[in-house]
Protein backbone atom coordinates (compact mmCIF):
# COMPACT_ATOMS: atom_id res chain seq x y z
CA SER A 1 24.07 -12.87 -78.89
CA GLN A 2 23.18 -14.62 -82.18
CA GLU A 3 19.45 -14.11 -81.77
CA THR A 4 17.28 -11.64 -83.64
CA VAL A 5 14.09 -10.17 -82.20
CA VAL A 6 11.39 -8.85 -84.53
CA PHE A 7 8.64 -6.69 -83.06
CA TYR A 8 5.36 -6.33 -84.92
CA PRO A 9 3.87 -2.81 -85.02
CA THR A 10 1.29 -2.35 -82.32
CA PHE A 11 -0.92 0.30 -80.73
CA GLY A 12 -1.53 1.60 -77.24
CA VAL A 13 -4.80 2.54 -75.56
CA ARG A 14 -5.15 4.76 -72.51
CA GLN A 15 -7.09 3.07 -69.73
CA ALA A 16 -9.36 4.42 -67.05
CA ASP A 17 -6.50 4.64 -64.53
CA GLY A 18 -4.59 6.95 -66.89
CA LEU A 19 -1.94 4.39 -67.85
CA TRP A 20 -1.29 3.38 -71.44
CA ARG A 21 -1.53 -0.37 -72.08
CA ILE A 22 0.58 -1.43 -75.06
CA PRO A 23 0.34 -5.03 -76.36
CA ILE A 24 3.68 -6.42 -77.55
CA SER A 25 4.23 -9.32 -79.93
CA GLY A 26 7.01 -10.61 -82.12
CA THR A 27 9.38 -13.49 -82.82
CA VAL A 28 12.82 -14.62 -81.70
CA HIS A 29 15.06 -16.51 -84.13
CA GLU A 30 18.65 -16.99 -85.18
CA PRO A 31 20.42 -18.10 -88.37
CA GLY A 32 19.66 -21.71 -89.22
CA ASN A 33 20.94 -24.43 -91.52
CA VAL A 34 19.06 -25.87 -94.50
CA GLY A 35 18.67 -29.45 -93.31
CA LEU A 36 17.03 -32.38 -95.06
CA THR A 37 13.46 -31.39 -94.16
CA LYS A 38 13.91 -27.81 -95.35
CA ARG A 39 15.59 -28.97 -98.57
CA LEU A 40 12.62 -31.20 -99.29
CA LEU A 41 10.22 -28.32 -98.66
CA LEU A 42 12.22 -26.07 -100.98
CA ARG A 43 12.06 -28.71 -103.71
CA LEU A 44 8.31 -29.00 -103.23
CA LEU A 45 8.00 -25.21 -103.40
CA GLN A 46 10.04 -25.18 -106.62
CA ARG A 47 7.80 -27.83 -108.15
CA VAL A 48 4.56 -26.07 -107.24
CA MET A 49 5.85 -22.71 -108.51
CA ARG A 50 7.29 -24.36 -111.65
CA ALA A 51 10.41 -22.33 -110.98
CA GLU A 52 13.60 -22.61 -112.96
CA PRO A 53 16.84 -23.30 -111.01
CA TRP A 54 18.17 -19.83 -111.81
CA GLU A 55 15.08 -18.27 -110.23
CA LEU A 56 15.90 -19.96 -106.92
CA GLN A 57 19.40 -18.47 -107.04
CA SER A 58 18.10 -14.90 -107.36
CA ALA A 59 18.75 -12.41 -104.57
CA LEU A 60 14.99 -11.81 -104.26
CA PHE A 61 14.16 -15.48 -103.65
CA GLN A 62 17.02 -15.87 -101.16
CA GLU A 63 15.75 -12.81 -99.28
CA ARG A 64 12.15 -14.03 -99.20
CA ILE A 65 13.03 -17.50 -97.82
CA GLN A 66 15.46 -16.20 -95.21
CA GLY A 67 12.89 -16.38 -92.43
CA PHE A 68 11.86 -19.91 -93.40
CA VAL A 69 15.36 -21.33 -92.93
CA ALA A 70 15.92 -19.48 -89.64
CA ALA A 71 15.95 -21.39 -86.36
CA THR A 72 13.14 -20.30 -84.06
CA GLU A 73 13.92 -19.82 -80.37
CA PRO A 74 11.39 -21.21 -77.84
CA GLY A 75 11.34 -20.49 -74.14
CA LYS A 76 12.77 -16.97 -74.34
CA ARG A 77 11.45 -14.19 -72.12
CA VAL A 78 11.78 -10.81 -73.80
CA ALA A 79 12.52 -7.71 -71.75
CA VAL A 80 11.28 -4.44 -73.25
CA GLN A 81 12.84 -1.07 -72.47
CA VAL A 82 10.57 1.97 -72.72
CA GLY A 83 12.60 5.05 -71.94
CA GLU A 84 14.68 4.23 -68.86
CA ARG A 85 12.35 1.54 -67.53
CA VAL A 86 12.60 -2.17 -68.35
CA GLN A 87 9.55 -4.43 -68.25
CA SER A 88 9.69 -8.18 -68.84
CA LEU A 89 6.86 -9.64 -70.91
CA GLN A 90 4.55 -12.04 -69.15
CA LYS A 91 4.99 -15.10 -71.43
CA LYS A 92 8.00 -16.85 -72.88
CA SER A 93 8.28 -17.48 -76.59
CA THR A 94 6.46 -20.49 -78.02
CA ARG A 95 7.91 -23.42 -79.95
CA MET A 96 7.73 -21.26 -83.08
CA GLY A 97 9.58 -18.40 -81.39
CA TYR A 98 6.43 -16.26 -81.08
CA PHE A 99 5.97 -14.14 -77.97
CA THR A 100 3.23 -11.87 -76.63
CA GLY A 101 2.70 -9.66 -73.62
CA PHE A 102 2.07 -6.04 -72.74
CA VAL A 103 3.69 -3.08 -71.03
CA ARG A 104 2.09 -0.22 -69.14
CA VAL A 105 3.36 3.33 -69.44
CA SER A 106 2.20 6.42 -67.57
CA ALA A 107 1.15 9.65 -69.26
CA ALA A 108 4.10 11.41 -67.61
CA GLU A 109 6.50 8.85 -69.08
CA ILE A 110 4.93 9.38 -72.51
CA ARG A 111 5.54 13.13 -72.24
CA ASP A 112 9.17 12.55 -71.19
CA LEU A 113 9.70 10.14 -74.07
CA GLU A 114 8.30 12.64 -76.56
CA LEU A 115 10.66 15.32 -75.24
CA SER A 116 13.62 12.92 -75.51
CA GLY A 117 12.78 12.01 -79.11
CA ALA A 118 11.65 8.43 -78.35
CA GLY A 119 8.12 9.34 -79.41
CA SER A 120 6.59 11.71 -81.93
CA ASP A 121 3.46 12.16 -84.06
CA GLY A 122 1.51 9.75 -81.88
CA TRP A 123 4.11 6.96 -82.12
CA LEU A 124 6.22 5.53 -79.31
CA ASN A 125 9.51 3.64 -79.78
CA PHE A 126 10.68 0.82 -77.52
CA ARG A 127 13.48 -1.73 -77.77
CA VAL A 128 14.83 -4.99 -76.45
CA ALA A 129 16.75 -4.70 -73.20
CA SER A 130 19.65 -7.04 -73.91
CA PRO A 131 22.64 -7.97 -71.72
CA HIS A 132 24.76 -8.33 -74.87
CA ASP A 133 26.85 -5.41 -76.07
CA ARG A 134 25.89 -5.26 -79.73
CA HIS A 135 25.65 -2.50 -82.31
CA GLN A 136 22.30 -3.64 -83.68
CA GLN A 137 19.26 -2.72 -81.61
CA PHE A 138 15.85 -4.30 -82.04
CA ILE A 139 13.29 -1.51 -82.12
CA GLY A 140 9.50 -1.70 -81.91
CA ARG A 141 6.86 0.96 -82.52
CA ALA A 142 3.46 1.56 -80.96
CA GLN A 143 0.82 3.96 -82.21
CA LEU A 144 -0.92 5.75 -79.33
CA LEU A 145 -4.60 5.92 -80.21
CA SER A 146 -7.03 8.39 -78.74
CA SER A 147 -10.30 7.14 -77.26
CA THR A 148 -12.24 8.44 -80.28
CA GLY A 149 -11.45 8.50 -83.97
CA ILE A 150 -11.40 6.32 -87.08
CA SER A 151 -9.24 3.25 -87.67
CA VAL A 152 -8.92 1.58 -91.07
CA ILE A 153 -8.17 -2.14 -90.78
CA SER A 154 -6.79 -3.21 -94.14
CA ASP A 155 -5.87 -6.57 -95.60
CA ILE A 156 -2.67 -6.69 -97.67
CA ASP A 157 -3.08 -9.44 -100.26
CA ASP A 158 -5.17 -8.35 -103.25
CA THR A 159 -6.05 -5.16 -101.38
CA ILE A 160 -2.87 -3.11 -101.49
CA LYS A 161 -0.73 -5.55 -103.49
CA HIS A 162 -1.40 -8.08 -106.24
CA THR A 163 -1.14 -11.63 -104.85
CA GLU A 164 -3.74 -13.72 -106.72
CA VAL A 165 -4.62 -15.81 -103.68
CA THR A 166 -7.14 -17.90 -105.63
CA CYS A 167 -4.35 -19.48 -107.74
CA ARG A 168 -1.75 -21.36 -105.69
CA MET A 169 1.04 -21.18 -108.28
CA SER A 170 0.50 -17.45 -108.92
CA LEU A 171 0.29 -16.77 -105.18
CA LEU A 172 3.62 -18.48 -104.55
CA ARG A 173 5.36 -16.92 -107.55
CA ASN A 174 4.12 -13.45 -106.56
CA THR A 175 5.32 -14.10 -103.01
CA PHE A 176 8.75 -15.61 -103.61
CA LEU A 177 9.90 -14.78 -107.14
CA ARG A 178 8.55 -11.34 -108.00
CA GLU A 179 8.79 -7.84 -106.62
CA PHE A 180 5.57 -6.90 -104.85
CA LEU A 181 3.25 -5.04 -107.21
CA PRO A 182 1.08 -2.38 -105.51
CA ILE A 183 -2.55 -2.06 -106.57
CA SER A 184 -3.00 1.20 -108.42
CA GLY A 185 -4.77 3.97 -106.54
CA MET A 186 -4.80 2.38 -103.09
CA ALA A 187 -1.82 4.31 -101.72
CA ASP A 188 -3.35 7.62 -102.84
CA LEU A 189 -6.70 6.66 -101.30
CA TYR A 190 -5.11 5.70 -97.98
CA GLN A 191 -3.02 8.86 -97.93
CA THR A 192 -6.20 10.90 -98.38
CA TRP A 193 -7.86 9.13 -95.45
CA ALA A 194 -4.72 9.52 -93.33
CA ALA A 195 -4.71 13.27 -94.01
CA ARG A 196 -8.23 13.35 -92.55
CA GLY A 197 -7.01 11.73 -89.32
CA ALA A 198 -7.56 8.01 -89.93
CA ALA A 199 -5.22 5.49 -88.27
CA PHE A 200 -4.20 2.40 -90.24
CA HIS A 201 -3.73 -1.22 -89.17
CA TYR A 202 -2.58 -3.81 -91.69
CA VAL A 203 -3.44 -7.50 -91.27
CA SER A 204 -2.34 -10.55 -93.22
CA SER A 205 -2.64 -14.32 -93.11
CA SER A 206 0.92 -14.61 -94.45
CA PRO A 207 3.39 -16.44 -92.17
CA TRP A 208 5.59 -14.35 -89.90
CA GLN A 209 8.62 -15.26 -92.02
CA LEU A 210 7.35 -12.80 -94.64
CA TYR A 211 6.95 -9.94 -92.19
CA ALA A 212 10.06 -7.99 -93.28
CA PRO A 213 9.20 -7.61 -97.00
CA LEU A 214 5.53 -6.93 -96.21
CA ALA A 215 6.51 -4.29 -93.65
CA GLU A 216 8.74 -2.65 -96.23
CA LEU A 217 5.78 -2.50 -98.61
CA CYS A 218 3.47 -1.01 -95.97
CA ALA A 219 6.10 1.53 -94.92
CA SER A 220 5.38 3.43 -98.11
CA GLY A 221 1.76 3.85 -96.98
CA PRO A 222 0.19 6.14 -94.35
CA GLY A 223 0.92 3.99 -91.29
CA ASP A 224 1.99 0.60 -89.88
């Protein structure tokens, strides 16, 4: 009941048998303590960033490191509910809490989900099927792609936001101490392409612990 599941945005492709195959991936973690090892890493991070103590007390820094102090959950098998049907993913989570798998959904189920509001504008919602009675639900989204069309696969760092990956100190300060700064003109360009029917897929070499703030940045763009 203490665990949190984060789904990464994904896409579905319709196969020759008419079923939609939707890859699923994400992480399982729960609140963790800042032990000796993590304290040492935070001190090293402070030294490399040349950060002042007050900067490490800021709400922004505390938010950005939240995932790094979390306790990952290995050996967990995630069950995904799509509509009324529950499908367990094929692999358990790894030592780092990372899990992968896929679900298959029929075209008829897709139509029913769209009518029920669980899918719209080419996107399908799914969630964790949990035995725990909790108010918070962990929701994932899948974009249903047609067999033809255009996909734009976009990097994030120094493409849609300023990161300065060639300078380690600037990279870390831009990641942990500063609000993300969008690159001028890119959002307008991507919105123009989206209006012409392009689908968007964002990729990043950033660790999964930074997924939440990066997803918030990308949410202002044309897709996930």
